[in-house]
Amino acid sequence: MSVPHKADVRHKTGVSHRADWWSHAACRTADPELFFPISAAGPAAEQVARAKAVCARCRVRRDCLAFALATRQVHGVWGGTSPEERQVLLEKGPAAGLGDAVMVS
């Protein structure tokens, strides 16, 4: 399986918010496969935790999460969230009056 790289996805979407966020991302020099585990259970759970640890120290985490929500990223860890966590945000967002730039702690 070919793992999409965050920069490749960013250029294909045309999302207009702060387009330079990727150049400041903590993950830009990390192995992209870390952020795209094969599953959410078993050994992959540790991989997700390691990816989220990178996100936790990232200064553009909000931009990354906003991008992932706006472009409906269904795979990978983006902005410190798993696909399941982003789905919850997307489902609850409209009801809670939240926009695509929701930040989770």
PDB file of N, CA and C in Angstrom:
ATOM      1  N   MET A   1       0.839  -1.175   0.000  1.00  0.00           N
ATOM      2  CA  MET A   1       0.000   0.000   0.000  1.00  0.00           C
ATOM      3  C   MET A   1       0.881   1.233   0.000  1.00  0.00           C
ATOM      4  N   SER A   2       0.587   2.169  -0.852  1.00  0.00           N
ATOM      5  CA  SER A   2       1.317   3.419  -0.894  1.00  0.00           C
ATOM      6  C   SER A   2       0.740   4.377   0.141  1.00  0.00           C
ATOM      7  N   VAL A   3       1.597   4.926   0.956  1.00  0.00           N
ATOM      8  CA  VAL A   3       1.166   5.833   2.012  1.00  0.00           C
ATOM      9  C   VAL A   3       1.191   7.256   1.473  1.00  0.00           C
ATOM     10  N   PRO A   4       0.055   7.970   1.514  1.00  0.00           N
ATOM     11  CA  PRO A   4       0.072   9.352   1.041  1.00  0.00           C
ATOM     12  C   PRO A   4       0.898  10.212   1.989  1.00  0.00           C
ATOM     13  N   HIS A   5       1.641  11.107   1.448  1.00  0.00           N
ATOM     14  CA  HIS A   5       2.428  12.016   2.272  1.00  0.00           C
ATOM     15  C   HIS A   5       1.594  13.270   2.489  1.00  0.00           C
ATOM     16  N   LYS A   6       1.647  13.829   3.671  1.00  0.00           N
ATOM     17  CA  LYS A   6       0.814  14.984   4.007  1.00  0.00           C
ATOM     18  C   LYS A   6       1.014  16.120   3.011  1.00  0.00           C
ATOM     19  N   ALA A   7       2.224  16.359   2.580  1.00  0.00           N
ATOM     20  CA  ALA A   7       2.467  17.460   1.646  1.00  0.00           C
ATOM     21  C   ALA A   7       1.773  17.196   0.320  1.00  0.00           C
ATOM     22  N   ASP A   8       1.757  15.947  -0.148  1.00  0.00           N
ATOM     23  CA  ASP A   8       1.101  15.605  -1.402  1.00  0.00           C
ATOM     24  C   ASP A   8      -0.394  15.875  -1.321  1.00  0.00           C
ATOM     25  N   VAL A   9      -1.002  15.513  -0.217  1.00  0.00           N
ATOM     26  CA  VAL A   9      -2.430  15.717  -0.042  1.00  0.00           C
ATOM     27  C   VAL A   9      -2.741  17.203   0.027  1.00  0.00           C
ATOM     28  N   ARG A  10      -1.923  17.961   0.731  1.00  0.00           N
ATOM     29  CA  ARG A  10      -2.155  19.394   0.904  1.00  0.00           C
ATOM     30  C   ARG A  10      -2.230  20.108  -0.437  1.00  0.00           C
ATOM     31  N   HIS A  11      -1.345  19.785  -1.357  1.00  0.00           N
ATOM     32  CA  HIS A  11      -1.297  20.480  -2.628  1.00  0.00           C
ATOM     33  C   HIS A  11      -2.484  20.149  -3.531  1.00  0.00           C
ATOM     34  N   LYS A  12      -3.171  19.070  -3.296  1.00  0.00           N
ATOM     35  CA  LYS A  12      -4.274  18.645  -4.151  1.00  0.00           C
ATOM     36  C   LYS A  12      -5.633  19.182  -3.722  1.00  0.00           C
ATOM     37  N   THR A  13      -5.720  19.855  -2.594  1.00  0.00           N
ATOM     38  CA  THR A  13      -7.022  20.225  -2.060  1.00  0.00           C
ATOM     39  C   THR A  13      -7.454  21.644  -2.334  1.00  0.00           C
ATOM     40  N   GLY A  14      -6.529  22.549  -2.430  1.00  0.00           N
ATOM     41  CA  GLY A  14      -6.890  23.944  -2.617  1.00  0.00           C
ATOM     42  C   GLY A  14      -7.430  24.609  -1.363  1.00  0.00           C
ATOM     43  N   VAL A  15      -7.191  24.046  -0.196  1.00  0.00           N
ATOM     44  CA  VAL A  15      -7.642  24.658   1.050  1.00  0.00           C
ATOM     45  C   VAL A  15      -6.923  25.993   1.195  1.00  0.00           C
ATOM     46  N   SER A  16      -7.687  27.049   1.471  1.00  0.00           N
ATOM     47  CA  SER A  16      -7.109  28.385   1.441  1.00  0.00           C
ATOM     48  C   SER A  16      -6.548  28.885   2.771  1.00  0.00           C
ATOM     49  N   HIS A  17      -6.815  28.197   3.894  1.00  0.00           N
ATOM     50  CA  HIS A  17      -6.301  28.702   5.162  1.00  0.00           C
ATOM     51  C   HIS A  17      -4.798  28.498   5.270  1.00  0.00           C
ATOM     52  N   ARG A  18      -4.127  29.450   5.811  1.00  0.00           N
ATOM     53  CA  ARG A  18      -2.686  29.442   6.081  1.00  0.00           C
ATOM     54  C   ARG A  18      -1.908  28.344   5.345  1.00  0.00           C
ATOM     55  N   ALA A  19      -1.686  28.561   4.086  1.00  0.00           N
ATOM     56  CA  ALA A  19      -1.103  27.554   3.211  1.00  0.00           C
ATOM     57  C   ALA A  19       0.317  27.144   3.576  1.00  0.00           C
ATOM     58  N   ASP A  20       1.020  27.932   4.360  1.00  0.00           N
ATOM     59  CA  ASP A  20       2.408  27.591   4.670  1.00  0.00           C
ATOM     60  C   ASP A  20       2.566  26.761   5.942  1.00  0.00           C
ATOM     61  N   TRP A  21       1.486  26.333   6.558  1.00  0.00           N
ATOM     62  CA  TRP A  21       1.586  25.606   7.828  1.00  0.00           C
ATOM     63  C   TRP A  21       2.460  24.369   7.717  1.00  0.00           C
ATOM     64  N   TRP A  22       2.395  23.686   6.601  1.00  0.00           N
ATOM     65  CA  TRP A  22       3.133  22.422   6.463  1.00  0.00           C
ATOM     66  C   TRP A  22       4.634  22.620   6.651  1.00  0.00           C
ATOM     67  N   SER A  23       5.162  23.755   6.210  1.00  0.00           N
ATOM     68  CA  SER A  23       6.615  23.970   6.327  1.00  0.00           C
ATOM     69  C   SER A  23       7.062  24.101   7.779  1.00  0.00           C
ATOM     70  N   HIS A  24       6.121  24.281   8.699  1.00  0.00           N
ATOM     71  CA  HIS A  24       6.447  24.408  10.119  1.00  0.00           C
ATOM     72  C   HIS A  24       6.049  23.176  10.930  1.00  0.00           C
ATOM     73  N   ALA A  25       5.529  22.157  10.284  1.00  0.00           N
ATOM     74  CA  ALA A  25       5.015  20.977  10.978  1.00  0.00           C
ATOM     75  C   ALA A  25       6.135  20.127  11.578  1.00  0.00           C
ATOM     76  N   ALA A  26       5.901  19.653  12.788  1.00  0.00           N
ATOM     77  CA  ALA A  26       6.879  18.799  13.468  1.00  0.00           C
ATOM     78  C   ALA A  26       7.079  17.477  12.731  1.00  0.00           C
ATOM     79  N   CYS A  27       6.091  17.050  11.977  1.00  0.00           N
ATOM     80  CA  CYS A  27       6.158  15.753  11.298  1.00  0.00           C
ATOM     81  C   CYS A  27       6.829  15.822   9.924  1.00  0.00           C
ATOM     82  N   ARG A  28       7.172  16.995   9.462  1.00  0.00           N
ATOM     83  CA  ARG A  28       7.658  17.126   8.087  1.00  0.00           C
ATOM     84  C   ARG A  28       8.921  16.319   7.815  1.00  0.00           C
ATOM     85  N   THR A  29       9.701  16.034   8.837  1.00  0.00           N
ATOM     86  CA  THR A  29      10.913  15.247   8.632  1.00  0.00           C
ATOM     87  C   THR A  29      10.776  13.827   9.182  1.00  0.00           C
ATOM     88  N   ALA A  30       9.609  13.506   9.691  1.00  0.00           N
ATOM     89  CA  ALA A  30       9.378  12.166  10.244  1.00  0.00           C
ATOM     90  C   ALA A  30       8.971  11.197   9.138  1.00  0.00           C
ATOM     91  N   ASP A  31       9.066   9.933   9.430  1.00  0.00           N
ATOM     92  CA  ASP A  31       8.640   8.892   8.504  1.00  0.00           C
ATOM     93  C   ASP A  31       7.124   8.983   8.349  1.00  0.00           C
ATOM     94  N   PRO A  32       6.613   9.220   7.143  1.00  0.00           N
ATOM     95  CA  PRO A  32       5.170   9.363   6.943  1.00  0.00           C
ATOM     96  C   PRO A  32       4.377   8.125   7.368  1.00  0.00           C
ATOM     97  N   GLU A  33       4.999   6.956   7.300  1.00  0.00           N
ATOM     98  CA  GLU A  33       4.292   5.738   7.676  1.00  0.00           C
ATOM     99  C   GLU A  33       3.900   5.731   9.150  1.00  0.00           C
ATOM    100  N   LEU A  34       4.629   6.473   9.982  1.00  0.00           N
ATOM    101  CA  LEU A  34       4.278   6.577  11.389  1.00  0.00           C
ATOM    102  C   LEU A  34       2.867   7.134  11.548  1.00  0.00           C
ATOM    103  N   PHE A  35       2.470   8.038  10.684  1.00  0.00           N
ATOM    104  CA  PHE A  35       1.182   8.723  10.788  1.00  0.00           C
ATOM    105  C   PHE A  35       0.052   8.001  10.068  1.00  0.00           C
ATOM    106  N   PHE A  36       0.365   6.892   9.422  1.00  0.00           N
ATOM    107  CA  PHE A  36      -0.645   6.128   8.696  1.00  0.00           C
ATOM    108  C   PHE A  36      -0.572   4.645   9.067  1.00  0.00           C
ATOM    109  N   PRO A  37      -0.954   4.314  10.316  1.00  0.00           N
ATOM    110  CA  PRO A  37      -0.914   2.914  10.752  1.00  0.00           C
ATOM    111  C   PRO A  37      -1.941   2.079   9.986  1.00  0.00           C
ATOM    112  N   ILE A  38      -1.683   0.794   9.917  1.00  0.00           N
ATOM    113  CA  ILE A  38      -2.559  -0.110   9.183  1.00  0.00           C
ATOM    114  C   ILE A  38      -3.893  -0.309   9.883  1.00  0.00           C
ATOM    115  N   SER A  39      -3.902  -0.271  11.202  1.00  0.00           N
ATOM    116  CA  SER A  39      -5.149  -0.428  11.958  1.00  0.00           C
ATOM    117  C   SER A  39      -5.099   0.486  13.176  1.00  0.00           C
ATOM    118  N   ALA A  40      -6.147   0.449  13.974  1.00  0.00           N
ATOM    119  CA  ALA A  40      -6.188   1.273  15.190  1.00  0.00           C
ATOM    120  C   ALA A  40      -5.992   0.422  16.437  1.00  0.00           C
ATOM    121  N   ALA A  41      -5.810  -0.873  16.269  1.00  0.00           N
ATOM    122  CA  ALA A  41      -5.706  -1.778  17.417  1.00  0.00           C
ATOM    123  C   ALA A  41      -4.375  -2.518  17.392  1.00  0.00           C
ATOM    124  N   GLY A  42      -4.111  -3.224  18.465  1.00  0.00           N
ATOM    125  CA  GLY A  42      -2.891  -4.031  18.556  1.00  0.00           C
ATOM    126  C   GLY A  42      -1.652  -3.167  18.517  1.00  0.00           C
ATOM    127  N   PRO A  43      -0.604  -3.631  17.828  1.00  0.00           N
ATOM    128  CA  PRO A  43       0.651  -2.879  17.758  1.00  0.00           C
ATOM    129  C   PRO A  43       0.473  -1.496  17.124  1.00  0.00           C
ATOM    130  N   ALA A  44      -0.522  -1.339  16.281  1.00  0.00           N
ATOM    131  CA  ALA A  44      -0.756  -0.047  15.638  1.00  0.00           C
ATOM    132  C   ALA A  44      -1.174   1.016  16.645  1.00  0.00           C
ATOM    133  N   ALA A  45      -1.748   0.614  17.771  1.00  0.00           N
ATOM    134  CA  ALA A  45      -2.143   1.574  18.804  1.00  0.00           C
ATOM    135  C   ALA A  45      -0.912   2.308  19.347  1.00  0.00           C
ATOM    136  N   GLU A  46       0.191   1.604  19.498  1.00  0.00           N
ATOM    137  CA  GLU A  46       1.439   2.231  19.939  1.00  0.00           C
ATOM    138  C   GLU A  46       1.956   3.180  18.860  1.00  0.00           C
ATOM    139  N   GLN A  47       1.796   2.811  17.615  1.00  0.00           N
ATOM    140  CA  GLN A  47       2.216   3.670  16.510  1.00  0.00           C
ATOM    141  C   GLN A  47       1.408   4.970  16.524  1.00  0.00           C
ATOM    142  N   VAL A  48       0.111   4.870  16.745  1.00  0.00           N
ATOM    143  CA  VAL A  48      -0.747   6.059  16.833  1.00  0.00           C
ATOM    144  C   VAL A  48      -0.292   6.931  17.998  1.00  0.00           C
ATOM    145  N   ALA A  49       0.025   6.332  19.117  1.00  0.00           N
ATOM    146  CA  ALA A  49       0.498   7.085  20.285  1.00  0.00           C
ATOM    147  C   ALA A  49       1.803   7.816  19.970  1.00  0.00           C
ATOM    148  N   ARG A  50       2.715   7.168  19.249  1.00  0.00           N
ATOM    149  CA  ARG A  50       3.982   7.817  18.881  1.00  0.00           C
ATOM    150  C   ARG A  50       3.734   8.976  17.912  1.00  0.00           C
ATOM    151  N   ALA A  51       2.816   8.792  16.973  1.00  0.00           N
ATOM    152  CA  ALA A  51       2.478   9.870  16.037  1.00  0.00           C
ATOM    153  C   ALA A  51       1.856  11.049  16.782  1.00  0.00           C
ATOM    154  N   LYS A  52       0.959  10.752  17.714  1.00  0.00           N
ATOM    155  CA  LYS A  52       0.328  11.817  18.499  1.00  0.00           C
ATOM    156  C   LYS A  52       1.349  12.552  19.373  1.00  0.00           C
ATOM    157  N   ALA A  53       2.385  11.865  19.802  1.00  0.00           N
ATOM    158  CA  ALA A  53       3.438  12.515  20.588  1.00  0.00           C
ATOM    159  C   ALA A  53       4.175  13.552  19.738  1.00  0.00           C
ATOM    160  N   VAL A  54       4.384  13.245  18.468  1.00  0.00           N
ATOM    161  CA  VAL A  54       4.988  14.217  17.555  1.00  0.00           C
ATOM    162  C   VAL A  54       4.045  15.415  17.415  1.00  0.00           C
ATOM    163  N   CYS A  55       2.763  15.144  17.237  1.00  0.00           N
ATOM    164  CA  CYS A  55       1.772  16.216  17.095  1.00  0.00           C
ATOM    165  C   CYS A  55       1.711  17.093  18.344  1.00  0.00           C
ATOM    166  N   ALA A  56       1.875  16.489  19.510  1.00  0.00           N
ATOM    167  CA  ALA A  56       1.764  17.225  20.771  1.00  0.00           C
ATOM    168  C   ALA A  56       2.806  18.335  20.884  1.00  0.00           C
ATOM    169  N   ARG A  57       3.930  18.179  20.239  1.00  0.00           N
ATOM    170  CA  ARG A  57       4.964  19.211  20.305  1.00  0.00           C
ATOM    171  C   ARG A  57       4.980  20.109  19.061  1.00  0.00           C
ATOM    172  N   CYS A  58       3.967  19.985  18.224  1.00  0.00           N
ATOM    173  CA  CYS A  58       3.920  20.726  16.961  1.00  0.00           C
ATOM    174  C   CYS A  58       3.247  22.083  17.130  1.00  0.00           C
ATOM    175  N   ARG A  59       3.876  23.105  16.593  1.00  0.00           N
ATOM    176  CA  ARG A  59       3.327  24.457  16.730  1.00  0.00           C
ATOM    177  C   ARG A  59       2.228  24.773  15.717  1.00  0.00           C
ATOM    178  N   VAL A  60       2.014  23.909  14.731  1.00  0.00           N
ATOM    179  CA  VAL A  60       0.943  24.147  13.752  1.00  0.00           C
ATOM    180  C   VAL A  60      -0.123  23.050  13.819  1.00  0.00           C
ATOM    181  N   ARG A  61      -0.262  22.473  14.977  1.00  0.00           N
ATOM    182  CA  ARG A  61      -1.233  21.391  15.167  1.00  0.00           C
ATOM    183  C   ARG A  61      -2.647  21.832  14.806  1.00  0.00           C
ATOM    184  N   ARG A  62      -3.013  23.031  15.189  1.00  0.00           N
ATOM    185  CA  ARG A  62      -4.358  23.542  14.874  1.00  0.00           C
ATOM    186  C   ARG A  62      -4.583  23.632  13.377  1.00  0.00           C
ATOM    187  N   ASP A  63      -3.591  24.126  12.656  1.00  0.00           N
ATOM    188  CA  ASP A  63      -3.719  24.242  11.204  1.00  0.00           C
ATOM    189  C   ASP A  63      -3.854  22.866  10.558  1.00  0.00           C
ATOM    190  N   CYS A  64      -3.073  21.919  11.065  1.00  0.00           N
ATOM    191  CA  CYS A  64      -3.116  20.556  10.543  1.00  0.00           C
ATOM    192  C   CYS A  64      -4.485  19.934  10.772  1.00  0.00           C
ATOM    193  N   LEU A  65      -5.009  20.097  11.975  1.00  0.00           N
ATOM    194  CA  LEU A  65      -6.331  19.553  12.278  1.00  0.00           C
ATOM    195  C   LEU A  65      -7.399  20.238  11.450  1.00  0.00           C
ATOM    196  N   ALA A  66      -7.328  21.552  11.318  1.00  0.00           N
ATOM    197  CA  ALA A  66      -8.307  22.278  10.503  1.00  0.00           C
ATOM    198  C   ALA A  66      -8.270  21.781   9.065  1.00  0.00           C
ATOM    199  N   PHE A  67      -7.067  21.554   8.550  1.00  0.00           N
ATOM    200  CA  PHE A  67      -6.912  21.024   7.195  1.00  0.00           C
ATOM    201  C   PHE A  67      -7.555  19.649   7.078  1.00  0.00           C
ATOM    202  N   ALA A  68      -7.270  18.780   8.043  1.00  0.00           N
ATOM    203  CA  ALA A  68      -7.803  17.420   8.009  1.00  0.00           C
ATOM    204  C   ALA A  68      -9.326  17.418   8.069  1.00  0.00           C
ATOM    205  N   LEU A  69      -9.891  18.278   8.881  1.00  0.00           N
ATOM    206  CA  LEU A  69     -11.345  18.363   8.971  1.00  0.00           C
ATOM    207  C   LEU A  69     -11.943  18.946   7.696  1.00  0.00           C
ATOM    208  N   ALA A  70     -11.346  19.995   7.181  1.00  0.00           N
ATOM    209  CA  ALA A  70     -11.858  20.654   5.978  1.00  0.00           C
ATOM    210  C   ALA A  70     -11.792  19.759   4.754  1.00  0.00           C
ATOM    211  N   THR A  71     -10.772  18.912   4.704  1.00  0.00           N
ATOM    212  CA  THR A  71     -10.588  18.041   3.539  1.00  0.00           C
ATOM    213  C   THR A  71     -11.060  16.616   3.790  1.00  0.00           C
ATOM    214  N   ARG A  72     -11.663  16.407   4.965  1.00  0.00           N
ATOM    215  CA  ARG A  72     -12.253  15.111   5.332  1.00  0.00           C
ATOM    216  C   ARG A  72     -11.258  13.959   5.201  1.00  0.00           C
ATOM    217  N   GLN A  73     -10.078  14.133   5.822  1.00  0.00           N
ATOM    218  CA  GLN A  73      -9.063  13.078   5.807  1.00  0.00           C
ATOM    219  C   GLN A  73      -9.574  11.881   6.603  1.00  0.00           C
ATOM    220  N   VAL A  74      -9.696  10.738   5.965  1.00  0.00           N
ATOM    221  CA  VAL A  74     -10.248   9.547   6.616  1.00  0.00           C
ATOM    222  C   VAL A  74      -9.164   8.573   7.070  1.00  0.00           C
ATOM    223  N   HIS A  75      -7.929   8.871   6.767  1.00  0.00           N
ATOM    224  CA  HIS A  75      -6.820   7.999   7.154  1.00  0.00           C
ATOM    225  C   HIS A  75      -5.754   8.833   7.846  1.00  0.00           C
ATOM    226  N   GLY A  76      -5.049   8.212   8.754  1.00  0.00           N
ATOM    227  CA  GLY A  76      -3.878   8.827   9.350  1.00  0.00           C
ATOM    228  C   GLY A  76      -4.144   9.689  10.569  1.00  0.00           C
ATOM    229  N   VAL A  77      -3.037  10.055  11.198  1.00  0.00           N
ATOM    230  CA  VAL A  77      -3.063  10.953  12.355  1.00  0.00           C
ATOM    231  C   VAL A  77      -2.780  12.352  11.823  1.00  0.00           C
ATOM    232  N   TRP A  78      -3.707  13.255  12.071  1.00  0.00           N
ATOM    233  CA  TRP A  78      -3.598  14.653  11.635  1.00  0.00           C
ATOM    234  C   TRP A  78      -3.938  15.533  12.826  1.00  0.00           C
ATOM    235  N   GLY A  79      -3.121  16.517  13.109  1.00  0.00           N
ATOM    236  CA  GLY A  79      -3.413  17.443  14.189  1.00  0.00           C
ATOM    237  C   GLY A  79      -3.610  16.763  15.525  1.00  0.00           C
ATOM    238  N   GLY A  80      -2.959  15.640  15.719  1.00  0.00           N
ATOM    239  CA  GLY A  80      -3.062  14.917  16.984  1.00  0.00           C
ATOM    240  C   GLY A  80      -4.329  14.109  17.144  1.00  0.00           C
ATOM    241  N   THR A  81      -5.026  13.846  16.054  1.00  0.00           N
ATOM    242  CA  THR A  81      -6.273  13.083  16.125  1.00  0.00           C
ATOM    243  C   THR A  81      -6.239  11.879  15.197  1.00  0.00           C
ATOM    244  N   SER A  82      -6.941  10.851  15.617  1.00  0.00           N
ATOM    245  CA  SER A  82      -7.112   9.653  14.795  1.00  0.00           C
ATOM    246  C   SER A  82      -8.301   9.873  13.860  1.00  0.00           C
ATOM    247  N   PRO A  83      -8.463   9.021  12.866  1.00  0.00           N
ATOM    248  CA  PRO A  83      -9.638   9.141  12.004  1.00  0.00           C
ATOM    249  C   PRO A  83     -10.948   9.075  12.798  1.00  0.00           C
ATOM    250  N   GLU A  84     -10.989   8.219  13.800  1.00  0.00           N
ATOM    251  CA  GLU A  84     -12.202   8.081  14.604  1.00  0.00           C
ATOM    252  C   GLU A  84     -12.482   9.356  15.399  1.00  0.00           C
ATOM    253  N   GLU A  85     -11.449   9.960  15.932  1.00  0.00           N
ATOM    254  CA  GLU A  85     -11.622  11.208  16.683  1.00  0.00           C
ATOM    255  C   GLU A  85     -12.088  12.344  15.778  1.00  0.00           C
ATOM    256  N   ARG A  86     -11.555  12.388  14.562  1.00  0.00           N
ATOM    257  CA  ARG A  86     -11.996  13.429  13.621  1.00  0.00           C
ATOM    258  C   ARG A  86     -13.437  13.206  13.194  1.00  0.00           C
ATOM    259  N   GLN A  87     -13.836  11.960  13.049  1.00  0.00           N
ATOM    260  CA  GLN A  87     -15.223  11.675  12.687  1.00  0.00           C
ATOM    261  C   GLN A  87     -16.165  12.192  13.773  1.00  0.00           C
ATOM    262  N   VAL A  88     -15.806  11.983  15.024  1.00  0.00           N
ATOM    263  CA  VAL A  88     -16.628  12.492  16.136  1.00  0.00           C
ATOM    264  C   VAL A  88     -16.706  14.016  16.061  1.00  0.00           C
ATOM    265  N   LEU A  89     -15.578  14.669  15.818  1.00  0.00           N
ATOM    266  CA  LEU A  89     -15.577  16.125  15.706  1.00  0.00           C
ATOM    267  C   LEU A  89     -16.479  16.593  14.567  1.00  0.00           C
ATOM    268  N   LEU A  90     -16.406  15.902  13.443  1.00  0.00           N
ATOM    269  CA  LEU A  90     -17.234  16.276  12.298  1.00  0.00           C
ATOM    270  C   LEU A  90     -18.716  16.070  12.584  1.00  0.00           C
ATOM    271  N   GLU A  91     -19.028  14.990  13.292  1.00  0.00           N
ATOM    272  CA  GLU A  91     -20.437  14.713  13.611  1.00  0.00           C
ATOM    273  C   GLU A  91     -20.983  15.671  14.655  1.00  0.00           C
ATOM    274  N   LYS A  92     -20.174  16.007  15.656  1.00  0.00           N
ATOM    275  CA  LYS A  92     -20.625  16.889  16.732  1.00  0.00           C
ATOM    276  C   LYS A  92     -20.471  18.359  16.379  1.00  0.00           C
ATOM    277  N   GLY A  93     -19.557  18.663  15.474  1.00  0.00           N
ATOM    278  CA  GLY A  93     -19.255  20.052  15.144  1.00  0.00           C
ATOM    279  C   GLY A  93     -20.458  20.908  14.812  1.00  0.00           C
ATOM    280  N   PRO A  94     -21.271  20.529  13.830  1.00  0.00           N
ATOM    281  CA  PRO A  94     -22.412  21.369  13.487  1.00  0.00           C
ATOM    282  C   PRO A  94     -23.395  21.541  14.647  1.00  0.00           C
ATOM    283  N   ALA A  95     -23.652  20.488  15.381  1.00  0.00           N
ATOM    284  CA  ALA A  95     -24.597  20.564  16.492  1.00  0.00           C
ATOM    285  C   ALA A  95     -24.068  21.439  17.622  1.00  0.00           C
ATOM    286  N   ALA A  96     -22.756  21.455  17.793  1.00  0.00           N
ATOM    287  CA  ALA A  96     -22.148  22.241  18.864  1.00  0.00           C
ATOM    288  C   ALA A  96     -21.755  23.638  18.396  1.00  0.00           C
ATOM    289  N   GLY A  97     -22.015  23.943  17.110  1.00  0.00           N
ATOM    290  CA  GLY A  97     -21.634  25.246  16.578  1.00  0.00           C
ATOM    291  C   GLY A  97     -20.152  25.373  16.317  1.00  0.00           C
ATOM    292  N   LEU A  98     -19.478  24.255  16.133  1.00  0.00           N
ATOM    293  CA  LEU A  98     -18.044  24.255  15.907  1.00  0.00           C
ATOM    294  C   LEU A  98     -17.757  24.281  14.417  1.00  0.00           C
ATOM    295  N   GLY A  99     -16.729  25.031  14.031  1.00  0.00           N
ATOM    296  CA  GLY A  99     -16.301  25.064  12.654  1.00  0.00           C
ATOM    297  C   GLY A  99     -15.251  24.019  12.381  1.00  0.00           C
ATOM    298  N   ASP A 100     -14.683  24.038  11.188  1.00  0.00           N
ATOM    299  CA  ASP A 100     -13.656  23.076  10.799  1.00  0.00           C
ATOM    300  C   ASP A 100     -12.341  23.272  11.541  1.00  0.00           C
ATOM    301  N   ALA A 101     -12.152  24.394  12.200  1.00  0.00           N
ATOM    302  CA  ALA A 101     -10.879  24.656  12.879  1.00  0.00           C
ATOM    303  C   ALA A 101     -10.924  24.247  14.354  1.00  0.00           C
ATOM    304  N   VAL A 102     -11.729  23.253  14.675  1.00  0.00           N
ATOM    305  CA  VAL A 102     -11.828  22.778  16.043  1.00  0.00           C
ATOM    306  C   VAL A 102     -10.473  22.276  16.511  1.00  0.00           C
ATOM    307  N   MET A 103     -10.139  22.568  17.747  1.00  0.00           N
ATOM    308  CA  MET A 103      -8.871  22.090  18.313  1.00  0.00           C
ATOM    309  C   MET A 103      -9.188  21.164  19.462  1.00  0.00           C
ATOM    310  N   VAL A 104      -8.577  20.008  19.439  1.00  0.00           N
ATOM    311  CA  VAL A 104      -8.735  19.087  20.558  1.00  0.00           C
ATOM    312  C   VAL A 104      -7.474  19.120  21.381  1.00  0.00           C
ATOM    313  N   SER A 105      -7.616  18.911  22.656  1.00  0.00           N
ATOM    314  CA  SER A 105      -6.464  18.925  23.543  1.00  0.00           C
ATOM    315  C   SER A 105      -5.857  17.560  23.646  1.00  0.00           C
TER     316      SER A 105
END
